[in-house]
Amino acid sequence: MDPISLILGALLVGAAKGSGEVASSAVMDSYNGFREALRRRLAGRRPAQAAVEEYTEDPDNWRPALETYLQQADVQKDDALLASASAVLSAADPDGASRGKYAVQIYGAQGVQVGDRNTQTNNYRSGP
């Protein structure tokens, strides 16, 4: 999973699970820690902070803007933020986490696929 998708997923899952009465304390605690780490990363970027709030209310319309703001803030280089986002998703979906569904590849990945039931064909050239 790429870093931006990880953060966007954690925002939605945390907001959805956190708003329910039966949310586990693990999900709530990890989500609160993630939101604080994201708030620190976006400090001084009012449009980005506003986009985070709007995204949780209307993800379809706000995703492009928030993706841009997150890229501008270099969130993909913030290991603590990515770890806290992963913790939210892992707490909300322990089975998916145990299968590596929320693993993040940060640097120069090739042939990476995100999601379930993917197939990949690699064609290798032999010799010069």
N, C-alpha and C. Protein backbone atom coordinates (compact mmCIF):
# COMPACT_ATOMS: atom_id res chain seq x y z
N MET A 1 0.86 -1.17 0.00
CA MET A 1 0.00 0.00 0.00
C MET A 1 0.90 1.23 0.00
N ASP A 2 0.56 2.21 -0.83
CA ASP A 2 1.38 3.42 -0.86
C ASP A 2 1.05 4.31 0.35
N PRO A 3 1.97 5.17 0.76
CA PRO A 3 1.78 5.98 1.97
C PRO A 3 0.53 6.86 1.96
N ILE A 4 0.22 7.47 0.83
CA ILE A 4 -0.95 8.36 0.77
C ILE A 4 -2.24 7.54 0.96
N SER A 5 -2.33 6.40 0.31
CA SER A 5 -3.51 5.54 0.46
C SER A 5 -3.64 5.03 1.89
N LEU A 6 -2.51 4.74 2.52
CA LEU A 6 -2.53 4.30 3.91
C LEU A 6 -3.13 5.38 4.81
N ILE A 7 -2.70 6.61 4.62
CA ILE A 7 -3.21 7.72 5.43
C ILE A 7 -4.68 7.97 5.16
N LEU A 8 -5.07 7.98 3.90
CA LEU A 8 -6.48 8.19 3.57
C LEU A 8 -7.35 7.08 4.14
N GLY A 9 -6.88 5.85 4.05
CA GLY A 9 -7.62 4.74 4.61
C GLY A 9 -7.76 4.83 6.12
N ALA A 10 -6.68 5.22 6.78
CA ALA A 10 -6.73 5.35 8.24
C ALA A 10 -7.70 6.45 8.66
N LEU A 11 -7.74 7.53 7.89
CA LEU A 11 -8.69 8.60 8.21
C LEU A 11 -10.13 8.11 8.14
N LEU A 12 -10.46 7.40 7.08
CA LEU A 12 -11.84 6.93 6.92
C LEU A 12 -12.20 5.84 7.92
N VAL A 13 -11.32 4.88 8.08
CA VAL A 13 -11.61 3.77 9.01
C VAL A 13 -11.70 4.29 10.43
N GLY A 14 -10.76 5.15 10.80
CA GLY A 14 -10.79 5.69 12.16
C GLY A 14 -12.01 6.53 12.42
N ALA A 15 -12.39 7.34 11.46
CA ALA A 15 -13.59 8.17 11.63
C ALA A 15 -14.84 7.32 11.71
N ALA A 16 -14.93 6.29 10.88
CA ALA A 16 -16.11 5.42 10.87
C ALA A 16 -16.18 4.58 12.14
N LYS A 17 -15.07 3.96 12.51
CA LYS A 17 -15.06 3.10 13.70
C LYS A 17 -15.14 3.94 14.97
N GLY A 18 -14.51 5.11 14.94
CA GLY A 18 -14.50 5.97 16.12
C GLY A 18 -15.83 6.59 16.42
N SER A 19 -16.68 6.72 15.41
CA SER A 19 -17.98 7.35 15.64
C SER A 19 -19.00 6.36 16.19
N GLY A 20 -18.72 5.09 16.09
CA GLY A 20 -19.65 4.08 16.59
C GLY A 20 -19.53 3.90 18.09
N GLU A 21 -20.59 3.47 18.71
CA GLU A 21 -20.59 3.28 20.15
C GLU A 21 -19.78 2.06 20.56
N VAL A 22 -19.60 1.13 19.65
CA VAL A 22 -18.92 -0.11 20.00
C VAL A 22 -17.45 -0.12 19.56
N ALA A 23 -16.91 1.04 19.23
CA ALA A 23 -15.51 1.10 18.82
C ALA A 23 -14.62 0.65 19.96
N SER A 24 -13.65 -0.19 19.62
CA SER A 24 -12.74 -0.68 20.66
C SER A 24 -11.82 0.45 21.10
N SER A 25 -11.32 0.32 22.31
CA SER A 25 -10.41 1.34 22.80
C SER A 25 -9.11 1.33 22.01
N ALA A 26 -8.72 0.18 21.47
CA ALA A 26 -7.50 0.11 20.66
C ALA A 26 -7.65 0.94 19.39
N VAL A 27 -8.82 0.83 18.75
CA VAL A 27 -9.06 1.62 17.54
C VAL A 27 -9.09 3.10 17.90
N MET A 28 -9.81 3.46 18.94
CA MET A 28 -9.92 4.86 19.35
C MET A 28 -8.56 5.44 19.72
N ASP A 29 -7.78 4.69 20.50
CA ASP A 29 -6.47 5.19 20.92
C ASP A 29 -5.54 5.36 19.74
N SER A 30 -5.51 4.38 18.85
CA SER A 30 -4.62 4.49 17.70
C SER A 30 -5.07 5.60 16.76
N TYR A 31 -6.38 5.78 16.61
CA TYR A 31 -6.89 6.84 15.75
C TYR A 31 -6.56 8.21 16.32
N ASN A 32 -6.72 8.37 17.61
CA ASN A 32 -6.39 9.66 18.24
C ASN A 32 -4.90 9.98 18.10
N GLY A 33 -4.04 8.97 18.27
CA GLY A 33 -2.61 9.18 18.09
C GLY A 33 -2.27 9.52 16.65
N PHE A 34 -2.92 8.85 15.72
CA PHE A 34 -2.71 9.12 14.30
C PHE A 34 -3.14 10.55 13.96
N ARG A 35 -4.31 10.95 14.42
CA ARG A 35 -4.80 12.31 14.13
C ARG A 35 -3.85 13.36 14.69
N GLU A 36 -3.29 13.11 15.86
CA GLU A 36 -2.34 14.06 16.45
C GLU A 36 -1.06 14.12 15.62
N ALA A 37 -0.56 12.97 15.16
CA ALA A 37 0.63 12.94 14.31
C ALA A 37 0.36 13.66 12.98
N LEU A 38 -0.81 13.47 12.42
CA LEU A 38 -1.17 14.14 11.18
C LEU A 38 -1.31 15.65 11.40
N ARG A 39 -1.89 16.02 12.51
CA ARG A 39 -2.05 17.44 12.84
C ARG A 39 -0.67 18.13 12.94
N ARG A 40 0.29 17.44 13.59
CA ARG A 40 1.64 17.98 13.70
C ARG A 40 2.30 18.11 12.32
N ARG A 41 2.11 17.10 11.48
CA ARG A 41 2.73 17.12 10.15
C ARG A 41 2.16 18.25 9.29
N LEU A 42 0.89 18.56 9.46
CA LEU A 42 0.23 19.58 8.65
C LEU A 42 0.17 20.94 9.35
N ALA A 43 0.90 21.09 10.45
CA ALA A 43 0.89 22.34 11.21
C ALA A 43 1.25 23.51 10.29
N GLY A 44 0.46 24.57 10.38
CA GLY A 44 0.70 25.76 9.57
C GLY A 44 0.14 25.67 8.16
N ARG A 45 -0.49 24.58 7.82
CA ARG A 45 -1.08 24.40 6.49
C ARG A 45 -2.60 24.34 6.64
N ARG A 46 -3.19 25.50 6.80
CA ARG A 46 -4.64 25.55 7.06
C ARG A 46 -5.48 24.87 5.99
N PRO A 47 -5.21 25.08 4.69
CA PRO A 47 -6.04 24.40 3.70
C PRO A 47 -5.94 22.87 3.82
N ALA A 48 -4.76 22.38 4.13
CA ALA A 48 -4.59 20.93 4.28
C ALA A 48 -5.34 20.42 5.49
N GLN A 49 -5.27 21.15 6.58
CA GLN A 49 -6.00 20.75 7.79
C GLN A 49 -7.50 20.76 7.55
N ALA A 50 -7.98 21.74 6.84
CA ALA A 50 -9.41 21.80 6.51
C ALA A 50 -9.79 20.65 5.60
N ALA A 51 -8.92 20.30 4.66
CA ALA A 51 -9.20 19.21 3.73
C ALA A 51 -9.31 17.88 4.46
N VAL A 52 -8.54 17.70 5.53
CA VAL A 52 -8.64 16.47 6.33
C VAL A 52 -10.04 16.34 6.90
N GLU A 53 -10.54 17.41 7.47
CA GLU A 53 -11.88 17.38 8.06
C GLU A 53 -12.95 17.16 7.00
N GLU A 54 -12.81 17.85 5.89
CA GLU A 54 -13.79 17.71 4.81
C GLU A 54 -13.76 16.30 4.20
N TYR A 55 -12.57 15.73 4.11
CA TYR A 55 -12.41 14.40 3.52
C TYR A 55 -13.18 13.35 4.32
N THR A 56 -13.16 13.44 5.63
CA THR A 56 -13.88 12.44 6.43
C THR A 56 -15.39 12.56 6.26
N GLU A 57 -15.86 13.74 5.87
CA GLU A 57 -17.28 13.95 5.63
C GLU A 57 -17.70 13.61 4.20
N ASP A 58 -16.82 13.88 3.23
CA ASP A 58 -17.13 13.71 1.82
C ASP A 58 -15.89 13.23 1.06
N PRO A 59 -15.50 11.96 1.25
CA PRO A 59 -14.25 11.47 0.69
C PRO A 59 -14.17 11.52 -0.83
N ASP A 60 -15.25 11.27 -1.52
CA ASP A 60 -15.21 11.26 -2.98
C ASP A 60 -14.80 12.61 -3.56
N ASN A 61 -15.34 13.67 -3.02
CA ASN A 61 -15.05 15.01 -3.54
C ASN A 61 -13.73 15.59 -3.04
N TRP A 62 -13.31 15.20 -1.83
CA TRP A 62 -12.12 15.81 -1.24
C TRP A 62 -10.84 15.00 -1.42
N ARG A 63 -10.94 13.77 -1.93
CA ARG A 63 -9.74 12.94 -2.08
C ARG A 63 -8.64 13.60 -2.93
N PRO A 64 -8.96 14.11 -4.13
CA PRO A 64 -7.88 14.70 -4.95
C PRO A 64 -7.15 15.85 -4.24
N ALA A 65 -7.90 16.73 -3.62
CA ALA A 65 -7.28 17.87 -2.94
C ALA A 65 -6.42 17.40 -1.77
N LEU A 66 -6.94 16.47 -0.98
CA LEU A 66 -6.18 16.00 0.17
C LEU A 66 -4.94 15.23 -0.26
N GLU A 67 -5.03 14.45 -1.32
CA GLU A 67 -3.84 13.75 -1.83
C GLU A 67 -2.75 14.76 -2.19
N THR A 68 -3.14 15.84 -2.84
CA THR A 68 -2.17 16.87 -3.22
C THR A 68 -1.54 17.51 -1.99
N TYR A 69 -2.35 17.85 -1.00
CA TYR A 69 -1.83 18.46 0.23
C TYR A 69 -0.89 17.50 0.96
N LEU A 70 -1.24 16.23 1.00
CA LEU A 70 -0.38 15.26 1.68
C LEU A 70 0.95 15.09 0.96
N GLN A 71 0.91 15.08 -0.36
CA GLN A 71 2.16 15.00 -1.13
C GLN A 71 3.03 16.23 -0.90
N GLN A 72 2.42 17.39 -0.87
CA GLN A 72 3.16 18.62 -0.62
C GLN A 72 3.79 18.64 0.76
N ALA A 73 3.15 17.98 1.71
CA ALA A 73 3.66 17.92 3.08
C ALA A 73 4.68 16.79 3.27
N ASP A 74 5.00 16.07 2.20
CA ASP A 74 5.96 14.95 2.24
C ASP A 74 5.62 13.92 3.31
N VAL A 75 4.35 13.58 3.43
CA VAL A 75 3.95 12.61 4.45
C VAL A 75 4.61 11.25 4.23
N GLN A 76 4.97 10.94 2.99
CA GLN A 76 5.57 9.64 2.70
C GLN A 76 6.94 9.50 3.35
N LYS A 77 7.52 10.59 3.84
CA LYS A 77 8.82 10.54 4.52
C LYS A 77 8.69 10.54 6.03
N ASP A 78 7.48 10.59 6.55
CA ASP A 78 7.26 10.65 7.99
C ASP A 78 6.93 9.25 8.51
N ASP A 79 7.96 8.53 8.94
CA ASP A 79 7.79 7.15 9.39
C ASP A 79 6.85 7.03 10.59
N ALA A 80 6.91 8.00 11.50
CA ALA A 80 6.03 7.94 12.67
C ALA A 80 4.57 8.09 12.27
N LEU A 81 4.29 8.98 11.35
CA LEU A 81 2.92 9.17 10.86
C LEU A 81 2.42 7.91 10.16
N LEU A 82 3.27 7.33 9.32
CA LEU A 82 2.87 6.12 8.60
C LEU A 82 2.66 4.95 9.56
N ALA A 83 3.49 4.86 10.58
CA ALA A 83 3.31 3.79 11.57
C ALA A 83 2.00 3.98 12.33
N SER A 84 1.66 5.22 12.65
CA SER A 84 0.40 5.45 13.37
C SER A 84 -0.81 5.19 12.48
N ALA A 85 -0.71 5.50 11.19
CA ALA A 85 -1.80 5.19 10.26
C ALA A 85 -1.97 3.68 10.14
N SER A 86 -0.86 2.97 10.05
CA SER A 86 -0.90 1.51 9.97
C SER A 86 -1.50 0.92 11.24
N ALA A 87 -1.21 1.53 12.38
CA ALA A 87 -1.76 1.04 13.65
C ALA A 87 -3.28 1.15 13.69
N VAL A 88 -3.81 2.23 13.11
CA VAL A 88 -5.27 2.39 13.04
C VAL A 88 -5.89 1.26 12.23
N LEU A 89 -5.35 1.03 11.05
CA LEU A 89 -5.90 -0.01 10.18
C LEU A 89 -5.71 -1.40 10.79
N SER A 90 -4.59 -1.61 11.44
CA SER A 90 -4.35 -2.91 12.09
C SER A 90 -5.30 -3.15 13.25
N ALA A 91 -5.59 -2.11 14.01
CA ALA A 91 -6.53 -2.25 15.13
C ALA A 91 -7.95 -2.49 14.63
N ALA A 92 -8.29 -1.85 13.52
CA ALA A 92 -9.64 -1.99 12.97
C ALA A 92 -9.83 -3.31 12.22
N ASP A 93 -8.75 -3.83 11.64
CA ASP A 93 -8.82 -5.04 10.83
C ASP A 93 -7.62 -5.93 11.12
N PRO A 94 -7.61 -6.60 12.27
CA PRO A 94 -6.46 -7.43 12.64
C PRO A 94 -6.17 -8.56 11.64
N ASP A 95 -7.22 -9.13 11.04
CA ASP A 95 -7.01 -10.21 10.07
C ASP A 95 -6.29 -9.68 8.83
N GLY A 96 -6.70 -8.54 8.33
CA GLY A 96 -6.05 -7.94 7.17
C GLY A 96 -4.60 -7.57 7.48
N ALA A 97 -4.37 -7.07 8.68
CA ALA A 97 -3.02 -6.70 9.07
C ALA A 97 -2.11 -7.93 9.15
N SER A 98 -2.65 -9.04 9.63
CA SER A 98 -1.83 -10.25 9.74
C SER A 98 -1.47 -10.81 8.37
N ARG A 99 -2.26 -10.49 7.36
CA ARG A 99 -1.96 -10.92 5.99
C ARG A 99 -1.09 -9.91 5.24
N GLY A 100 -0.68 -8.83 5.92
CA GLY A 100 0.17 -7.83 5.29
C GLY A 100 -0.56 -6.84 4.43
N LYS A 101 -1.86 -6.73 4.61
CA LYS A 101 -2.67 -5.85 3.77
C LYS A 101 -2.29 -4.38 3.93
N TYR A 102 -1.76 -4.01 5.09
CA TYR A 102 -1.45 -2.60 5.37
C TYR A 102 0.04 -2.33 5.44
N ALA A 103 0.82 -3.19 4.84
CA ALA A 103 2.27 -2.98 4.79
C ALA A 103 2.55 -1.86 3.79
N VAL A 104 3.49 -1.02 4.12
CA VAL A 104 3.81 0.12 3.27
C VAL A 104 5.20 -0.05 2.68
N GLN A 105 5.28 0.14 1.38
CA GLN A 105 6.57 0.19 0.69
C GLN A 105 6.82 1.64 0.37
N ILE A 106 7.87 2.19 0.90
CA ILE A 106 8.09 3.62 0.77
C ILE A 106 9.02 3.98 -0.38
N TYR A 107 10.11 3.26 -0.53
CA TYR A 107 11.15 3.70 -1.44
C TYR A 107 11.24 2.84 -2.69
N GLY A 108 11.01 3.42 -3.86
CA GLY A 108 11.29 2.85 -5.15
C GLY A 108 10.77 1.45 -5.42
N ALA A 109 9.57 1.17 -5.07
CA ALA A 109 9.01 -0.16 -5.28
C ALA A 109 8.65 -0.36 -6.75
N GLN A 110 8.86 -1.57 -7.22
CA GLN A 110 8.47 -1.91 -8.58
C GLN A 110 7.62 -3.17 -8.51
N GLY A 111 6.59 -3.23 -9.31
CA GLY A 111 5.75 -4.42 -9.35
C GLY A 111 4.88 -4.57 -8.12
N VAL A 112 4.58 -3.48 -7.43
CA VAL A 112 3.77 -3.53 -6.21
C VAL A 112 2.30 -3.54 -6.58
N GLN A 113 1.55 -4.37 -5.89
CA GLN A 113 0.11 -4.40 -6.07
C GLN A 113 -0.56 -4.22 -4.72
N VAL A 114 -1.64 -3.50 -4.71
CA VAL A 114 -2.38 -3.25 -3.49
C VAL A 114 -3.78 -3.83 -3.66
N GLY A 115 -4.24 -4.54 -2.65
CA GLY A 115 -5.58 -5.09 -2.70
C GLY A 115 -5.58 -6.60 -2.65
N ASP A 116 -6.72 -7.17 -2.80
CA ASP A 116 -6.91 -8.61 -2.71
C ASP A 116 -7.08 -9.20 -4.11
N ARG A 117 -6.72 -10.47 -4.23
CA ARG A 117 -6.93 -11.27 -5.45
C ARG A 117 -6.29 -10.68 -6.70
N ASN A 118 -5.08 -10.18 -6.59
CA ASN A 118 -4.36 -9.64 -7.74
C ASN A 118 -3.57 -10.73 -8.42
N THR A 119 -3.28 -10.54 -9.69
CA THR A 119 -2.36 -11.41 -10.41
C THR A 119 -1.33 -10.51 -11.09
N GLN A 120 -0.16 -11.07 -11.30
CA GLN A 120 0.90 -10.31 -11.93
C GLN A 120 1.70 -11.23 -12.83
N THR A 121 2.03 -10.75 -14.01
CA THR A 121 2.86 -11.50 -14.94
C THR A 121 4.14 -10.71 -15.16
N ASN A 122 5.27 -11.38 -14.96
CA ASN A 122 6.57 -10.75 -15.18
C ASN A 122 7.21 -11.37 -16.40
N ASN A 123 7.67 -10.54 -17.28
CA ASN A 123 8.37 -10.99 -18.45
C ASN A 123 9.83 -10.58 -18.32
N TYR A 124 10.70 -11.56 -18.29
CA TYR A 124 12.12 -11.31 -18.15
C TYR A 124 12.84 -11.57 -19.46
N ARG A 125 13.75 -10.73 -19.74
CA ARG A 125 14.57 -10.88 -20.94
C ARG A 125 15.86 -11.56 -20.53
N SER A 126 16.23 -12.60 -21.21
CA SER A 126 17.48 -13.27 -20.87
C SER A 126 18.56 -12.85 -21.85
N GLY A 127 19.72 -12.66 -21.32
CA GLY A 127 20.85 -12.31 -22.16
C GLY A 127 20.86 -10.85 -22.56
N PRO A 128 21.91 -10.43 -23.22
CA PRO A 128 22.05 -9.01 -23.62
C PRO A 128 21.20 -8.62 -24.78
